[in-house]
Amino acid sequence: MISNLSSMKNLILNLILLQTITQAIASTTVDQIGRHKEKLANTKNFSLGMVGFSGHISENENIYRKILRSEFAKDIFTDIIRSEESTNEAKLYAACGLRTLSPPLFKKETLNILQKDGSASVLRADILN
C-alpha cells in the first residue's frame, strides 16, 4: 500500500510538472510569435532568397518563415496585410504567406492593396531598389 501511495504521489507530481513545462513552452512560443509579428509588420525592406554580397537569407525572411511555420500564420499574415500601420514591405511578406496558406484569401487581400498607390523597398541580390 505504501509503495502504491508513493508511486501515485510521484505520478501526480510528474503530471503537474509536465503541465507547468507545457504551459511555459506554449507561452514562450506565443510571445516569440507576437514579437516576430511586430518586427515583420514594421520592416523597412522586402527580400526573398539569397541576398547581399555573401548570399544569405535576410533576417526579415527568417522571421517570415518562422511565422509561416506557426499555427497562427494565416491570422498573423491577414492582420499584417489589413493593418494601416504595417509597412508596404510587411504587406508583401504577408501576401507571400497568404499565397502559400490560402490562395483565395490571397486574391481577396491583394486586390485591396493593388487599388492603393504605394511603393516598397525591395532588396535584389545586393541592390536596394
N, C-alpha and C. Protein backbone atom coordinates (compact mmCIF):
# COMPACT_ATOMS: atom_id res chain seq x y z
N MET A 1 0.82 -1.19 0.00
CA MET A 1 0.00 0.00 0.00
C MET A 1 0.86 1.26 0.00
N ILE A 2 1.91 1.28 0.80
CA ILE A 2 2.80 2.44 0.84
C ILE A 2 3.49 2.62 -0.50
N SER A 3 3.86 1.54 -1.14
CA SER A 3 4.51 1.60 -2.45
C SER A 3 3.57 2.23 -3.48
N ASN A 4 2.30 1.81 -3.46
CA ASN A 4 1.33 2.38 -4.40
C ASN A 4 1.09 3.85 -4.12
N LEU A 5 1.03 4.23 -2.85
CA LEU A 5 0.84 5.62 -2.48
C LEU A 5 2.01 6.48 -2.94
N SER A 6 3.21 5.96 -2.77
CA SER A 6 4.42 6.67 -3.21
C SER A 6 4.43 6.81 -4.73
N SER A 7 4.07 5.75 -5.42
CA SER A 7 4.01 5.80 -6.89
C SER A 7 2.96 6.80 -7.36
N MET A 8 1.83 6.83 -6.66
CA MET A 8 0.76 7.75 -7.02
C MET A 8 1.22 9.20 -6.81
N LYS A 9 1.90 9.48 -5.72
CA LYS A 9 2.42 10.82 -5.46
C LYS A 9 3.41 11.23 -6.55
N ASN A 10 4.30 10.33 -6.92
CA ASN A 10 5.27 10.62 -7.98
C ASN A 10 4.58 10.90 -9.30
N LEU A 11 3.55 10.11 -9.61
CA LEU A 11 2.81 10.31 -10.85
C LEU A 11 2.13 11.68 -10.86
N ILE A 12 1.50 12.04 -9.77
CA ILE A 12 0.82 13.34 -9.68
C ILE A 12 1.83 14.48 -9.80
N LEU A 13 2.95 14.37 -9.11
CA LEU A 13 3.98 15.42 -9.20
C LEU A 13 4.51 15.54 -10.63
N ASN A 14 4.73 14.42 -11.29
CA ASN A 14 5.21 14.44 -12.68
C ASN A 14 4.19 15.07 -13.62
N LEU A 15 2.91 14.77 -13.40
CA LEU A 15 1.87 15.37 -14.24
C LEU A 15 1.79 16.89 -14.04
N ILE A 16 1.90 17.33 -12.79
CA ILE A 16 1.89 18.77 -12.50
C ILE A 16 3.10 19.44 -13.15
N LEU A 17 4.26 18.81 -13.04
CA LEU A 17 5.47 19.36 -13.64
C LEU A 17 5.34 19.41 -15.16
N LEU A 18 4.81 18.37 -15.76
CA LEU A 18 4.62 18.32 -17.21
C LEU A 18 3.68 19.43 -17.66
N GLN A 19 2.59 19.65 -16.95
CA GLN A 19 1.65 20.69 -17.30
C GLN A 19 2.30 22.07 -17.20
N THR A 20 3.07 22.29 -16.16
CA THR A 20 3.76 23.58 -15.97
C THR A 20 4.75 23.83 -17.09
N ILE A 21 5.53 22.83 -17.45
CA ILE A 21 6.51 22.97 -18.53
C ILE A 21 5.80 23.23 -19.85
N THR A 22 4.73 22.49 -20.13
CA THR A 22 3.99 22.66 -21.38
C THR A 22 3.42 24.07 -21.48
N GLN A 23 2.86 24.59 -20.40
CA GLN A 23 2.32 25.95 -20.41
C GLN A 23 3.43 26.98 -20.63
N ALA A 24 4.58 26.77 -20.02
CA ALA A 24 5.70 27.70 -20.19
C ALA A 24 6.18 27.71 -21.62
N ILE A 25 6.28 26.54 -22.24
CA ILE A 25 6.72 26.44 -23.63
C ILE A 25 5.71 27.12 -24.55
N ALA A 26 4.43 26.84 -24.35
CA ALA A 26 3.38 27.44 -25.19
C ALA A 26 3.38 28.95 -25.03
N SER A 27 3.52 29.44 -23.82
CA SER A 27 3.54 30.87 -23.57
C SER A 27 4.74 31.52 -24.25
N THR A 28 5.90 30.90 -24.15
CA THR A 28 7.10 31.43 -24.80
C THR A 28 6.92 31.47 -26.31
N THR A 29 6.36 30.42 -26.86
CA THR A 29 6.16 30.36 -28.30
C THR A 29 5.20 31.46 -28.76
N VAL A 30 4.11 31.65 -28.04
CA VAL A 30 3.16 32.70 -28.39
C VAL A 30 3.82 34.07 -28.28
N ASP A 31 4.60 34.28 -27.22
CA ASP A 31 5.31 35.55 -27.06
C ASP A 31 6.29 35.78 -28.20
N GLN A 32 7.03 34.74 -28.56
CA GLN A 32 8.00 34.87 -29.66
C GLN A 32 7.30 35.20 -30.96
N ILE A 33 6.21 34.51 -31.25
CA ILE A 33 5.46 34.76 -32.48
C ILE A 33 4.92 36.19 -32.48
N GLY A 34 4.46 36.66 -31.32
CA GLY A 34 3.99 38.05 -31.22
C GLY A 34 5.10 39.05 -31.52
N ARG A 35 6.30 38.78 -31.01
CA ARG A 35 7.44 39.66 -31.29
C ARG A 35 7.82 39.59 -32.76
N HIS A 36 7.76 38.39 -33.34
CA HIS A 36 8.07 38.24 -34.77
C HIS A 36 7.05 39.02 -35.61
N LYS A 37 5.77 38.93 -35.23
CA LYS A 37 4.73 39.65 -35.97
C LYS A 37 5.00 41.15 -35.93
N GLU A 38 5.30 41.66 -34.75
CA GLU A 38 5.55 43.09 -34.60
C GLU A 38 6.76 43.53 -35.43
N LYS A 39 7.81 42.72 -35.38
CA LYS A 39 9.03 43.06 -36.13
C LYS A 39 8.77 43.03 -37.64
N LEU A 40 8.07 42.00 -38.10
CA LEU A 40 7.79 41.89 -39.53
C LEU A 40 6.86 43.02 -39.98
N ALA A 41 5.87 43.37 -39.17
CA ALA A 41 4.91 44.42 -39.54
C ALA A 41 5.59 45.78 -39.71
N ASN A 42 6.75 45.95 -39.10
CA ASN A 42 7.46 47.23 -39.17
C ASN A 42 8.71 47.19 -40.06
N THR A 43 8.89 46.13 -40.81
CA THR A 43 10.10 46.00 -41.62
C THR A 43 10.17 47.10 -42.68
N LYS A 44 11.39 47.47 -43.02
CA LYS A 44 11.61 48.57 -43.97
C LYS A 44 12.08 48.08 -45.34
N ASN A 45 12.33 46.76 -45.48
CA ASN A 45 12.70 46.24 -46.81
C ASN A 45 12.18 44.83 -46.98
N PHE A 46 12.03 44.44 -48.22
CA PHE A 46 11.49 43.12 -48.57
C PHE A 46 12.51 42.40 -49.44
N SER A 47 12.75 41.14 -49.13
CA SER A 47 13.60 40.31 -49.98
C SER A 47 13.30 38.85 -49.71
N LEU A 48 13.38 38.05 -50.75
CA LEU A 48 13.25 36.61 -50.63
C LEU A 48 14.43 35.96 -51.32
N GLY A 49 14.97 34.93 -50.72
CA GLY A 49 16.11 34.24 -51.32
C GLY A 49 17.43 34.85 -50.88
N MET A 50 18.47 34.41 -51.55
CA MET A 50 19.82 34.84 -51.20
C MET A 50 20.04 36.30 -51.58
N VAL A 51 20.52 37.08 -50.60
CA VAL A 51 20.79 38.49 -50.83
C VAL A 51 22.14 38.86 -50.25
N GLY A 52 22.62 40.02 -50.63
CA GLY A 52 23.89 40.51 -50.10
C GLY A 52 25.07 39.90 -50.80
N PHE A 53 26.23 40.46 -50.50
CA PHE A 53 27.47 40.02 -51.14
C PHE A 53 27.75 38.54 -50.88
N SER A 54 27.47 38.10 -49.66
CA SER A 54 27.74 36.70 -49.31
C SER A 54 26.59 35.76 -49.63
N GLY A 55 25.48 36.29 -50.10
CA GLY A 55 24.34 35.46 -50.46
C GLY A 55 23.73 34.74 -49.27
N HIS A 56 23.04 35.48 -48.43
CA HIS A 56 22.42 34.90 -47.25
C HIS A 56 20.92 35.21 -47.23
N ILE A 57 20.19 34.52 -46.39
CA ILE A 57 18.77 34.79 -46.20
C ILE A 57 18.66 35.95 -45.21
N SER A 58 17.84 36.94 -45.55
CA SER A 58 17.71 38.12 -44.69
C SER A 58 17.02 37.78 -43.37
N GLU A 59 17.25 38.62 -42.38
CA GLU A 59 16.60 38.45 -41.07
C GLU A 59 15.09 38.51 -41.22
N ASN A 60 14.60 39.42 -42.06
CA ASN A 60 13.16 39.53 -42.27
C ASN A 60 12.57 38.26 -42.87
N GLU A 61 13.29 37.65 -43.82
CA GLU A 61 12.78 36.41 -44.40
C GLU A 61 12.80 35.29 -43.37
N ASN A 62 13.80 35.26 -42.52
CA ASN A 62 13.82 34.25 -41.46
C ASN A 62 12.63 34.41 -40.53
N ILE A 63 12.30 35.65 -40.20
CA ILE A 63 11.12 35.91 -39.36
C ILE A 63 9.86 35.48 -40.09
N TYR A 64 9.76 35.84 -41.36
CA TYR A 64 8.62 35.43 -42.19
C TYR A 64 8.46 33.92 -42.17
N ARG A 65 9.54 33.18 -42.32
CA ARG A 65 9.49 31.71 -42.33
C ARG A 65 9.05 31.15 -40.97
N LYS A 66 9.51 31.78 -39.88
CA LYS A 66 9.09 31.32 -38.55
C LYS A 66 7.59 31.51 -38.38
N ILE A 67 7.08 32.65 -38.81
CA ILE A 67 5.64 32.88 -38.73
C ILE A 67 4.90 31.89 -39.61
N LEU A 68 5.40 31.66 -40.82
CA LEU A 68 4.76 30.74 -41.76
C LEU A 68 4.62 29.34 -41.17
N ARG A 69 5.56 28.93 -40.34
CA ARG A 69 5.52 27.60 -39.71
C ARG A 69 4.64 27.56 -38.47
N SER A 70 4.18 28.71 -37.99
CA SER A 70 3.39 28.73 -36.76
C SER A 70 1.94 28.36 -37.04
N GLU A 71 1.25 27.92 -36.01
CA GLU A 71 -0.16 27.57 -36.16
C GLU A 71 -1.04 28.80 -36.36
N PHE A 72 -0.52 29.98 -36.09
CA PHE A 72 -1.27 31.22 -36.20
C PHE A 72 -0.96 31.99 -37.49
N ALA A 73 -0.22 31.38 -38.39
CA ALA A 73 0.32 32.07 -39.57
C ALA A 73 -0.75 32.80 -40.38
N LYS A 74 -1.82 32.12 -40.72
CA LYS A 74 -2.85 32.74 -41.57
C LYS A 74 -3.43 33.98 -40.90
N ASP A 75 -3.72 33.91 -39.61
CA ASP A 75 -4.26 35.07 -38.90
C ASP A 75 -3.24 36.20 -38.81
N ILE A 76 -2.00 35.85 -38.56
CA ILE A 76 -0.95 36.88 -38.46
C ILE A 76 -0.77 37.60 -39.78
N PHE A 77 -0.65 36.84 -40.86
CA PHE A 77 -0.47 37.46 -42.17
C PHE A 77 -1.69 38.29 -42.57
N THR A 78 -2.88 37.82 -42.22
CA THR A 78 -4.10 38.59 -42.50
C THR A 78 -4.10 39.90 -41.72
N ASP A 79 -3.72 39.83 -40.44
CA ASP A 79 -3.64 41.06 -39.63
C ASP A 79 -2.65 42.05 -40.22
N ILE A 80 -1.49 41.56 -40.63
CA ILE A 80 -0.46 42.44 -41.18
C ILE A 80 -0.93 43.09 -42.47
N ILE A 81 -1.52 42.30 -43.36
CA ILE A 81 -1.90 42.83 -44.67
C ILE A 81 -3.05 43.82 -44.56
N ARG A 82 -3.90 43.68 -43.54
CA ARG A 82 -5.04 44.58 -43.36
C ARG A 82 -4.71 45.82 -42.54
N SER A 83 -3.62 45.79 -41.82
CA SER A 83 -3.30 46.88 -40.89
C SER A 83 -2.82 48.12 -41.63
N GLU A 84 -3.35 49.26 -41.22
CA GLU A 84 -2.91 50.55 -41.76
C GLU A 84 -1.50 50.88 -41.27
N GLU A 85 -1.11 50.32 -40.12
CA GLU A 85 0.20 50.61 -39.53
C GLU A 85 1.32 49.78 -40.14
N SER A 86 1.00 48.65 -40.76
CA SER A 86 2.03 47.80 -41.35
C SER A 86 2.66 48.49 -42.55
N THR A 87 3.96 48.29 -42.72
CA THR A 87 4.65 48.85 -43.88
C THR A 87 4.25 48.10 -45.14
N ASN A 88 4.46 48.73 -46.30
CA ASN A 88 4.18 48.04 -47.56
C ASN A 88 5.07 46.81 -47.72
N GLU A 89 6.30 46.89 -47.21
CA GLU A 89 7.22 45.76 -47.28
C GLU A 89 6.67 44.59 -46.46
N ALA A 90 6.11 44.89 -45.29
CA ALA A 90 5.50 43.85 -44.46
C ALA A 90 4.31 43.22 -45.17
N LYS A 91 3.56 44.05 -45.87
CA LYS A 91 2.39 43.54 -46.60
C LYS A 91 2.80 42.60 -47.73
N LEU A 92 3.98 42.83 -48.31
CA LEU A 92 4.48 41.90 -49.33
C LEU A 92 4.78 40.53 -48.71
N TYR A 93 5.42 40.54 -47.53
CA TYR A 93 5.66 39.26 -46.84
C TYR A 93 4.33 38.58 -46.50
N ALA A 94 3.37 39.36 -46.01
CA ALA A 94 2.07 38.81 -45.66
C ALA A 94 1.37 38.22 -46.89
N ALA A 95 1.50 38.92 -48.02
CA ALA A 95 0.90 38.40 -49.26
C ALA A 95 1.53 37.07 -49.65
N CYS A 96 2.84 36.96 -49.51
CA CYS A 96 3.51 35.69 -49.81
C CYS A 96 3.01 34.58 -48.90
N GLY A 97 2.85 34.91 -47.63
CA GLY A 97 2.35 33.91 -46.68
C GLY A 97 0.93 33.48 -47.01
N LEU A 98 0.07 34.43 -47.33
CA LEU A 98 -1.31 34.09 -47.67
C LEU A 98 -1.39 33.31 -48.98
N ARG A 99 -0.52 33.63 -49.92
CA ARG A 99 -0.48 32.89 -51.19
C ARG A 99 -0.20 31.42 -50.94
N THR A 100 0.68 31.15 -49.99
CA THR A 100 1.04 29.78 -49.64
C THR A 100 -0.09 29.10 -48.85
N LEU A 101 -0.67 29.82 -47.90
CA LEU A 101 -1.62 29.21 -46.96
C LEU A 101 -3.06 29.21 -47.44
N SER A 102 -3.45 30.24 -48.19
CA SER A 102 -4.85 30.37 -48.60
C SER A 102 -4.95 31.20 -49.88
N PRO A 103 -4.78 30.58 -51.04
CA PRO A 103 -4.86 31.34 -52.30
C PRO A 103 -6.12 32.19 -52.46
N PRO A 104 -7.32 31.72 -52.05
CA PRO A 104 -8.50 32.60 -52.17
C PRO A 104 -8.38 33.87 -51.31
N LEU A 105 -7.87 33.73 -50.09
CA LEU A 105 -7.69 34.89 -49.22
C LEU A 105 -6.60 35.81 -49.79
N PHE A 106 -5.57 35.21 -50.37
CA PHE A 106 -4.51 35.98 -51.03
C PHE A 106 -5.11 36.88 -52.11
N LYS A 107 -5.95 36.31 -52.96
CA LYS A 107 -6.57 37.09 -54.05
C LYS A 107 -7.41 38.23 -53.51
N LYS A 108 -8.20 37.94 -52.49
CA LYS A 108 -9.06 38.97 -51.90
C LYS A 108 -8.25 40.10 -51.29
N GLU A 109 -7.26 39.76 -50.49
CA GLU A 109 -6.49 40.77 -49.77
C GLU A 109 -5.56 41.57 -50.69
N THR A 110 -5.00 40.92 -51.70
CA THR A 110 -4.10 41.66 -52.59
C THR A 110 -4.87 42.58 -53.53
N LEU A 111 -6.12 42.29 -53.81
CA LEU A 111 -6.93 43.22 -54.60
C LEU A 111 -7.06 44.55 -53.88
N ASN A 112 -7.24 44.49 -52.57
CA ASN A 112 -7.33 45.73 -51.78
C ASN A 112 -6.03 46.52 -51.84
N ILE A 113 -4.91 45.83 -51.80
CA ILE A 113 -3.60 46.50 -51.84
C ILE A 113 -3.35 47.11 -53.21
N LEU A 114 -3.69 46.38 -54.26
CA LEU A 114 -3.43 46.85 -55.62
C LEU A 114 -4.23 48.11 -55.95
N GLN A 115 -5.34 48.33 -55.27
CA GLN A 115 -6.15 49.51 -55.52
C GLN A 115 -5.55 50.77 -54.90
N LYS A 116 -4.58 50.58 -54.02
CA LYS A 116 -3.92 51.72 -53.38
C LYS A 116 -2.61 52.02 -54.09
N ASP A 117 -2.23 53.27 -54.07
CA ASP A 117 -0.95 53.66 -54.66
C ASP A 117 0.11 53.55 -53.57
N GLY A 118 1.20 52.89 -53.88
CA GLY A 118 2.24 52.75 -52.86
C GLY A 118 3.53 52.24 -53.48
N SER A 119 4.55 52.20 -52.65
CA SER A 119 5.84 51.69 -53.10
C SER A 119 6.47 50.89 -51.96
N ALA A 120 7.49 50.12 -52.29
CA ALA A 120 8.18 49.30 -51.29
C ALA A 120 9.65 49.21 -51.64
N SER A 121 10.49 49.09 -50.60
CA SER A 121 11.92 48.87 -50.81
C SER A 121 12.15 47.38 -50.95
N VAL A 122 12.70 46.99 -52.09
CA VAL A 122 12.92 45.57 -52.38
C VAL A 122 14.41 45.36 -52.56
N LEU A 123 14.96 44.40 -51.83
CA LEU A 123 16.39 44.08 -51.94
C LEU A 123 16.55 42.95 -52.94
N ARG A 124 17.31 43.21 -54.01
CA ARG A 124 17.60 42.20 -55.03
C ARG A 124 19.10 42.01 -55.06
N ALA A 125 19.52 40.76 -54.82
CA ALA A 125 20.95 40.45 -54.72
C ALA A 125 21.56 41.33 -53.65
N ASP A 126 22.34 42.33 -54.02
CA ASP A 126 22.87 43.25 -53.02
C ASP A 126 22.54 44.70 -53.39
N ILE A 127 21.44 44.88 -54.12
CA ILE A 127 21.00 46.21 -54.56
C ILE A 127 19.63 46.51 -53.98
N LEU A 128 19.50 47.62 -53.27
CA LEU A 128 18.23 48.02 -52.71
C LEU A 128 17.52 48.93 -53.70
N ASN A 129 16.32 48.53 -54.14
CA ASN A 129 15.52 49.31 -55.10
C ASN A 129 14.40 50.01 -54.39
